[in-house]
PDB file of all heavy atoms in Angstrom:
ATOM      1  N   ALA A   1     -20.953   2.008  -2.994  1.00  0.00           N
ATOM      2  CA  ALA A   1     -20.244   0.915  -3.653  1.00  0.00           C
ATOM      3  C   ALA A   1     -19.171   0.242  -2.893  1.00  0.00           C
ATOM      4  O   ALA A   1     -18.952  -0.980  -3.096  1.00  0.00           O
ATOM      5  CB  ALA A   1     -19.593   1.418  -4.950  1.00  0.00           C
ATOM      6  N   THR A   2     -18.545   0.924  -1.994  1.00  0.00           N
ATOM      7  CA  THR A   2     -17.393   0.313  -1.229  1.00  0.00           C
ATOM      8  C   THR A   2     -17.629   0.171   0.146  1.00  0.00           C
ATOM      9  O   THR A   2     -16.870  -0.593   0.848  1.00  0.00           O
ATOM     10  CB  THR A   2     -16.052   1.247  -1.436  1.00  0.00           C
ATOM     11  OG1 THR A   2     -16.290   2.420  -0.721  1.00  0.00           O
ATOM     12  CG2 THR A   2     -15.914   1.552  -2.860  1.00  0.00           C
ATOM     13  N   GLY A   3     -18.699   0.764   0.755  1.00  0.00           N
ATOM     14  CA  GLY A   3     -18.933   0.604   2.212  1.00  0.00           C
ATOM     15  C   GLY A   3     -18.087   1.657   2.928  1.00  0.00           C
ATOM     16  O   GLY A   3     -18.269   1.697   4.203  1.00  0.00           O
ATOM     17  N   VAL A   4     -17.289   2.455   2.322  1.00  0.00           N
ATOM     18  CA  VAL A   4     -16.330   3.411   3.026  1.00  0.00           C
ATOM     19  C   VAL A   4     -16.551   4.757   2.354  1.00  0.00           C
ATOM     20  O   VAL A   4     -16.536   4.959   1.110  1.00  0.00           O
ATOM     21  CB  VAL A   4     -14.962   2.966   2.946  1.00  0.00           C
ATOM     22  CG1 VAL A   4     -14.013   3.985   3.653  1.00  0.00           C
ATOM     23  CG2 VAL A   4     -14.686   1.583   3.543  1.00  0.00           C
ATOM     24  N   PRO A   5     -16.851   5.741   3.250  1.00  0.00           N
ATOM     25  CA  PRO A   5     -16.907   7.109   2.664  1.00  0.00           C
ATOM     26  C   PRO A   5     -15.495   7.688   2.115  1.00  0.00           C
ATOM     27  O   PRO A   5     -14.533   7.023   2.419  1.00  0.00           O
ATOM     28  CB  PRO A   5     -17.336   7.999   3.852  1.00  0.00           C
ATOM     29  CG  PRO A   5     -16.843   7.325   4.990  1.00  0.00           C
ATOM     30  CD  PRO A   5     -16.936   5.831   4.692  1.00  0.00           C
ATOM     31  N   VAL A   6     -15.539   8.720   1.337  1.00  0.00           N
ATOM     32  CA  VAL A   6     -14.438   9.324   0.917  1.00  0.00           C
ATOM     33  C   VAL A   6     -13.291   9.593   1.861  1.00  0.00           C
ATOM     34  O   VAL A   6     -12.096   9.336   1.774  1.00  0.00           O
ATOM     35  CB  VAL A   6     -14.674  10.476   0.023  1.00  0.00           C
ATOM     36  CG1 VAL A   6     -13.418  11.276  -0.535  1.00  0.00           C
ATOM     37  CG2 VAL A   6     -15.556  10.212  -1.265  1.00  0.00           C
ATOM     38  N   ALA A   7     -13.748  10.205   2.943  1.00  0.00           N
ATOM     39  CA  ALA A   7     -12.769  10.587   4.017  1.00  0.00           C
ATOM     40  C   ALA A   7     -12.172   9.318   4.607  1.00  0.00           C
ATOM     41  O   ALA A   7     -10.968   9.270   4.920  1.00  0.00           O
ATOM     42  CB  ALA A   7     -13.476  11.247   5.196  1.00  0.00           C
ATOM     43  N   GLY A   8     -12.886   8.192   4.586  1.00  0.00           N
ATOM     44  CA  GLY A   8     -12.272   6.779   5.023  1.00  0.00           C
ATOM     45  C   GLY A   8     -11.338   6.350   4.125  1.00  0.00           C
ATOM     46  O   GLY A   8     -10.304   5.714   4.412  1.00  0.00           O
ATOM     47  N   TRP A   9     -11.436   6.576   2.787  1.00  0.00           N
ATOM     48  CA  TRP A   9     -10.432   6.194   1.706  1.00  0.00           C
ATOM     49  C   TRP A   9      -9.238   7.137   1.919  1.00  0.00           C
ATOM     50  O   TRP A   9      -8.102   6.589   1.695  1.00  0.00           O
ATOM     51  CB  TRP A   9     -11.027   6.363   0.339  1.00  0.00           C
ATOM     52  CG  TRP A   9     -11.913   5.303  -0.030  1.00  0.00           C
ATOM     53  CD1 TRP A   9     -13.344   5.301  -0.157  1.00  0.00           C
ATOM     54  CD2 TRP A   9     -11.473   3.928  -0.511  1.00  0.00           C
ATOM     55  NE1 TRP A   9     -13.805   3.960  -0.611  1.00  0.00           N
ATOM     56  CE2 TRP A   9     -12.644   3.173  -0.790  1.00  0.00           C
ATOM     57  CE3 TRP A   9     -10.323   3.271  -0.530  1.00  0.00           C
ATOM     58  CZ2 TRP A   9     -12.736   1.894  -1.179  1.00  0.00           C
ATOM     59  CZ3 TRP A   9     -10.233   1.948  -1.068  1.00  0.00           C
ATOM     60  CH2 TRP A   9     -11.434   1.280  -1.237  1.00  0.00           C
ATOM     61  N   GLY A  10      -9.418   8.418   2.312  1.00  0.00           N
ATOM     62  CA  GLY A  10      -8.150   9.049   2.667  1.00  0.00           C
ATOM     63  C   GLY A  10      -7.381   8.583   3.778  1.00  0.00           C
ATOM     64  O   GLY A  10      -6.129   8.532   3.828  1.00  0.00           O
ATOM     65  N   LEU A  11      -8.064   8.085   4.840  1.00  0.00           N
ATOM     66  CA  LEU A  11      -7.552   7.567   5.927  1.00  0.00           C
ATOM     67  C   LEU A  11      -6.732   6.264   5.583  1.00  0.00           C
ATOM     68  O   LEU A  11      -5.707   5.941   6.114  1.00  0.00           O
ATOM     69  CB  LEU A  11      -8.551   7.235   7.071  1.00  0.00           C
ATOM     70  CG  LEU A  11      -8.053   6.635   8.359  1.00  0.00           C
ATOM     71  CD1 LEU A  11      -6.816   7.522   8.893  1.00  0.00           C
ATOM     72  CD2 LEU A  11      -9.138   6.463   9.385  1.00  0.00           C
ATOM     73  N   ALA A  12      -7.405   5.427   4.740  1.00  0.00           N
ATOM     74  CA  ALA A  12      -6.841   4.134   4.251  1.00  0.00           C
ATOM     75  C   ALA A  12      -5.525   4.420   3.530  1.00  0.00           C
ATOM     76  O   ALA A  12      -4.510   3.743   3.774  1.00  0.00           O
ATOM     77  CB  ALA A  12      -7.810   3.326   3.380  1.00  0.00           C
ATOM     78  N   TRP A  13      -5.494   5.453   2.717  1.00  0.00           N
ATOM     79  CA  TRP A  13      -4.293   5.811   1.874  1.00  0.00           C
ATOM     80  C   TRP A  13      -3.269   6.354   2.892  1.00  0.00           C
ATOM     81  O   TRP A  13      -2.135   5.923   2.762  1.00  0.00           O
ATOM     82  CB  TRP A  13      -4.545   6.865   0.863  1.00  0.00           C
ATOM     83  CG  TRP A  13      -3.398   7.206  -0.009  1.00  0.00           C
ATOM     84  CD1 TRP A  13      -2.903   6.613  -1.114  1.00  0.00           C
ATOM     85  CD2 TRP A  13      -2.372   8.223   0.343  1.00  0.00           C
ATOM     86  NE1 TRP A  13      -1.631   7.188  -1.512  1.00  0.00           N
ATOM     87  CE2 TRP A  13      -1.385   8.094  -0.592  1.00  0.00           C
ATOM     88  CE3 TRP A  13      -2.299   9.226   1.335  1.00  0.00           C
ATOM     89  CZ2 TRP A  13      -0.288   9.051  -0.549  1.00  0.00           C
ATOM     90  CZ3 TRP A  13      -1.169  10.006   1.434  1.00  0.00           C
ATOM     91  CH2 TRP A  13      -0.166   9.887   0.472  1.00  0.00           C
ATOM     92  N   GLY A  14      -3.606   7.164   3.862  1.00  0.00           N
ATOM     93  CA  GLY A  14      -2.677   7.705   4.813  1.00  0.00           C
ATOM     94  C   GLY A  14      -1.971   6.599   5.579  1.00  0.00           C
ATOM     95  O   GLY A  14      -0.848   6.570   5.811  1.00  0.00           O
ATOM     96  N   LEU A  15      -2.806   5.738   6.045  1.00  0.00           N
ATOM     97  CA  LEU A  15      -2.140   4.512   6.845  1.00  0.00           C
ATOM     98  C   LEU A  15      -1.317   3.763   5.960  1.00  0.00           C
ATOM     99  O   LEU A  15      -0.180   3.221   6.440  1.00  0.00           O
ATOM    100  CB  LEU A  15      -3.351   3.666   7.396  1.00  0.00           C
ATOM    101  CG  LEU A  15      -4.088   4.337   8.451  1.00  0.00           C
ATOM    102  CD1 LEU A  15      -5.267   3.342   8.866  1.00  0.00           C
ATOM    103  CD2 LEU A  15      -3.346   4.747   9.721  1.00  0.00           C
ATOM    104  N   THR A  16      -1.740   3.486   4.653  1.00  0.00           N
ATOM    105  CA  THR A  16      -0.849   2.578   3.826  1.00  0.00           C
ATOM    106  C   THR A  16       0.542   3.331   3.549  1.00  0.00           C
ATOM    107  O   THR A  16       1.665   2.813   3.684  1.00  0.00           O
ATOM    108  CB  THR A  16      -1.502   2.542   2.417  1.00  0.00           C
ATOM    109  OG1 THR A  16      -2.784   1.805   2.642  1.00  0.00           O
ATOM    110  CG2 THR A  16      -0.642   1.651   1.461  1.00  0.00           C
ATOM    111  N   ALA A  17       0.371   4.747   3.250  1.00  0.00           N
ATOM    112  CA  ALA A  17       1.700   5.432   3.024  1.00  0.00           C
ATOM    113  C   ALA A  17       2.474   5.492   4.227  1.00  0.00           C
ATOM    114  O   ALA A  17       3.820   5.489   4.304  1.00  0.00           O
ATOM    115  CB  ALA A  17       1.278   6.789   2.488  1.00  0.00           C
ATOM    116  N   LEU A  18       1.907   5.680   5.391  1.00  0.00           N
ATOM    117  CA  LEU A  18       2.644   5.716   6.744  1.00  0.00           C
ATOM    118  C   LEU A  18       3.294   4.467   7.010  1.00  0.00           C
ATOM    119  O   LEU A  18       4.556   4.516   7.272  1.00  0.00           O
ATOM    120  CB  LEU A  18       1.597   6.004   7.845  1.00  0.00           C
ATOM    121  CG  LEU A  18       2.225   6.036   9.234  1.00  0.00           C
ATOM    122  CD1 LEU A  18       3.373   7.150   9.301  1.00  0.00           C
ATOM    123  CD2 LEU A  18       1.107   6.264  10.239  1.00  0.00           C
ATOM    124  N   LEU A  19       2.671   3.212   6.831  1.00  0.00           N
ATOM    125  CA  LEU A  19       3.353   1.990   7.172  1.00  0.00           C
ATOM    126  C   LEU A  19       4.530   1.808   6.109  1.00  0.00           C
ATOM    127  O   LEU A  19       5.592   1.375   6.528  1.00  0.00           O
ATOM    128  CB  LEU A  19       2.312   0.913   6.852  1.00  0.00           C
ATOM    129  CG  LEU A  19       2.876  -0.519   7.179  1.00  0.00           C
ATOM    130  CD1 LEU A  19       3.413  -0.692   8.652  1.00  0.00           C
ATOM    131  CD2 LEU A  19       1.909  -1.528   6.979  1.00  0.00           C
ATOM    132  N   LEU A  20       4.328   2.110   4.806  1.00  0.00           N
ATOM    133  CA  LEU A  20       5.400   1.874   3.870  1.00  0.00           C
ATOM    134  C   LEU A  20       6.625   2.792   4.186  1.00  0.00           C
ATOM    135  O   LEU A  20       7.775   2.348   4.120  1.00  0.00           O
ATOM    136  CB  LEU A  20       4.923   2.143   2.410  1.00  0.00           C
ATOM    137  CG  LEU A  20       3.791   1.125   1.889  1.00  0.00           C
ATOM    138  CD1 LEU A  20       3.332   1.653   0.615  1.00  0.00           C
ATOM    139  CD2 LEU A  20       4.409  -0.197   1.817  1.00  0.00           C
ATOM    140  N   ALA A  21       6.313   4.041   4.441  1.00  0.00           N
ATOM    141  CA  ALA A  21       7.409   5.009   4.766  1.00  0.00           C
ATOM    142  C   ALA A  21       8.139   4.626   6.033  1.00  0.00           C
ATOM    143  O   ALA A  21       9.330   4.827   6.194  1.00  0.00           O
ATOM    144  CB  ALA A  21       6.797   6.541   4.839  1.00  0.00           C
ATOM    145  N   LEU A  22       7.441   4.271   6.908  1.00  0.00           N
ATOM    146  CA  LEU A  22       8.012   3.952   8.309  1.00  0.00           C
ATOM    147  C   LEU A  22       8.934   2.649   8.126  1.00  0.00           C
ATOM    148  O   LEU A  22      10.055   2.681   8.688  1.00  0.00           O
ATOM    149  CB  LEU A  22       6.884   3.636   9.319  1.00  0.00           C
ATOM    150  CG  LEU A  22       7.363   3.518  10.662  1.00  0.00           C
ATOM    151  CD1 LEU A  22       8.088   4.740  11.190  1.00  0.00           C
ATOM    152  CD2 LEU A  22       6.071   3.180  11.630  1.00  0.00           C
ATOM    153  N   VAL A  23       8.517   1.734   7.428  1.00  0.00           N
ATOM    154  CA  VAL A  23       9.367   0.550   7.190  1.00  0.00           C
ATOM    155  C   VAL A  23      10.564   0.925   6.425  1.00  0.00           C
ATOM    156  O   VAL A  23      11.699   0.449   6.684  1.00  0.00           O
ATOM    157  CB  VAL A  23       8.444  -0.671   6.557  1.00  0.00           C
ATOM    158  CG1 VAL A  23       9.396  -1.700   6.093  1.00  0.00           C
ATOM    159  CG2 VAL A  23       7.360  -1.191   7.476  1.00  0.00           C
ATOM    160  N   ALA A  24      10.337   1.617   5.398  1.00  0.00           N
ATOM    161  CA  ALA A  24      11.509   2.064   4.616  1.00  0.00           C
ATOM    162  C   ALA A  24      12.449   2.882   5.398  1.00  0.00           C
ATOM    163  O   ALA A  24      13.692   2.761   5.179  1.00  0.00           O
ATOM    164  CB  ALA A  24      11.026   2.931   3.399  1.00  0.00           C
ATOM    165  N   LEU A  25      12.049   3.835   6.303  1.00  0.00           N
ATOM    166  CA  LEU A  25      12.891   4.631   7.161  1.00  0.00           C
ATOM    167  C   LEU A  25      13.726   3.747   8.129  1.00  0.00           C
ATOM    168  O   LEU A  25      14.885   3.806   8.201  1.00  0.00           O
ATOM    169  CB  LEU A  25      12.135   5.515   7.912  1.00  0.00           C
ATOM    170  CG  LEU A  25      12.828   6.505   8.921  1.00  0.00           C
ATOM    171  CD1 LEU A  25      13.877   7.254   8.181  1.00  0.00           C
ATOM    172  CD2 LEU A  25      11.799   7.280   9.691  1.00  0.00           C
ATOM    173  N   ILE A  26      12.986   2.764   8.668  1.00  0.00           N
ATOM    174  CA  ILE A  26      13.719   1.848   9.691  1.00  0.00           C
ATOM    175  C   ILE A  26      14.772   1.081   8.821  1.00  0.00           C
ATOM    176  O   ILE A  26      15.788   0.907   9.445  1.00  0.00           O
ATOM    177  CB  ILE A  26      12.688   1.036  10.389  1.00  0.00           C
ATOM    178  CG1 ILE A  26      11.741   1.869  11.341  1.00  0.00           C
ATOM    179  CG2 ILE A  26      13.386  -0.125  11.182  1.00  0.00           C
ATOM    180  CD1 ILE A  26      10.606   1.019  11.947  1.00  0.00           C
ATOM    181  N   SER A  27      14.381   0.523   7.775  1.00  0.00           N
ATOM    182  CA  SER A  27      15.380  -0.263   6.967  1.00  0.00           C
ATOM    183  C   SER A  27      16.502   0.592   6.601  1.00  0.00           C
ATOM    184  O   SER A  27      17.628   0.040   6.594  1.00  0.00           O
ATOM    185  CB  SER A  27      14.746  -0.987   5.771  1.00  0.00           C
ATOM    186  OG  SER A  27      14.170   0.075   4.872  1.00  0.00           O
ATOM    187  N   SER A  28      16.337   1.767   6.168  1.00  0.00           N
ATOM    188  CA  SER A  28      17.421   2.687   5.850  1.00  0.00           C
ATOM    189  C   SER A  28      18.398   2.927   6.997  1.00  0.00           C
ATOM    190  O   SER A  28      19.596   2.883   6.856  1.00  0.00           O
ATOM    191  CB  SER A  28      16.858   3.947   5.303  1.00  0.00           C
ATOM    192  OG  SER A  28      17.978   4.859   4.814  1.00  0.00           O
ATOM    193  N   VAL A  29      17.878   3.186   8.086  1.00  0.00           N
ATOM    194  CA  VAL A  29      18.678   3.513   9.345  1.00  0.00           C
ATOM    195  C   VAL A  29      19.468   2.259   9.738  1.00  0.00           C
ATOM    196  O   VAL A  29      20.546   2.339  10.105  1.00  0.00           O
ATOM    197  CB  VAL A  29      17.633   3.967  10.518  1.00  0.00           C
ATOM    198  CG1 VAL A  29      18.640   4.040  11.832  1.00  0.00           C
ATOM    199  CG2 VAL A  29      17.146   5.372  10.130  1.00  0.00           C
ATOM    200  N   ARG A  30      18.860   1.107   9.673  1.00  0.00           N
ATOM    201  CA  ARG A  30      19.440  -0.067   9.961  1.00  0.00           C
ATOM    202  C   ARG A  30      20.388  -0.851   8.928  1.00  0.00           C
ATOM    203  O   ARG A  30      20.909  -1.770   9.127  1.00  0.00           O
ATOM    204  CB  ARG A  30      18.456  -1.227  10.460  1.00  0.00           C
ATOM    205  CG  ARG A  30      17.681  -0.764  11.682  1.00  0.00           C
ATOM    206  CD  ARG A  30      16.701  -1.875  12.181  1.00  0.00           C
ATOM    207  NE  ARG A  30      16.076  -1.557  13.392  1.00  0.00           N
ATOM    208  CZ  ARG A  30      15.197  -2.323  14.093  1.00  0.00           C
ATOM    209  NH1 ARG A  30      14.793  -3.469  13.445  1.00  0.00           N
ATOM    210  NH2 ARG A  30      14.598  -1.953  15.187  1.00  0.00           N
ATOM    211  N   ARG A  31      20.420  -0.216   7.695  1.00  0.00           N
ATOM    212  CA  ARG A  31      21.085  -0.723   6.535  1.00  0.00           C
ATOM    213  C   ARG A  31      20.597  -2.133   6.194  1.00  0.00           C
ATOM    214  O   ARG A  31      21.518  -2.908   5.826  1.00  0.00           O
ATOM    215  CB  ARG A  31      22.528  -0.669   6.854  1.00  0.00           C
ATOM    216  CG  ARG A  31      23.118   0.541   7.127  1.00  0.00           C
ATOM    217  CD  ARG A  31      23.124   1.477   5.951  1.00  0.00           C
ATOM    218  NE  ARG A  31      23.698   2.883   6.114  1.00  0.00           N
ATOM    219  CZ  ARG A  31      22.892   3.907   6.338  1.00  0.00           C
ATOM    220  NH1 ARG A  31      21.520   3.798   6.453  1.00  0.00           N
ATOM    221  NH2 ARG A  31      23.411   5.092   6.505  1.00  0.00           N
TER     222      ARG A  31
END
């Protein structure tokens, strides 16, 4: 249905969460 296997969806979520957390961390450190 999606063209991406379940493991690929896990990778997509991991990259999404990583980018959001990384930007939030940098913004917190820089105030």
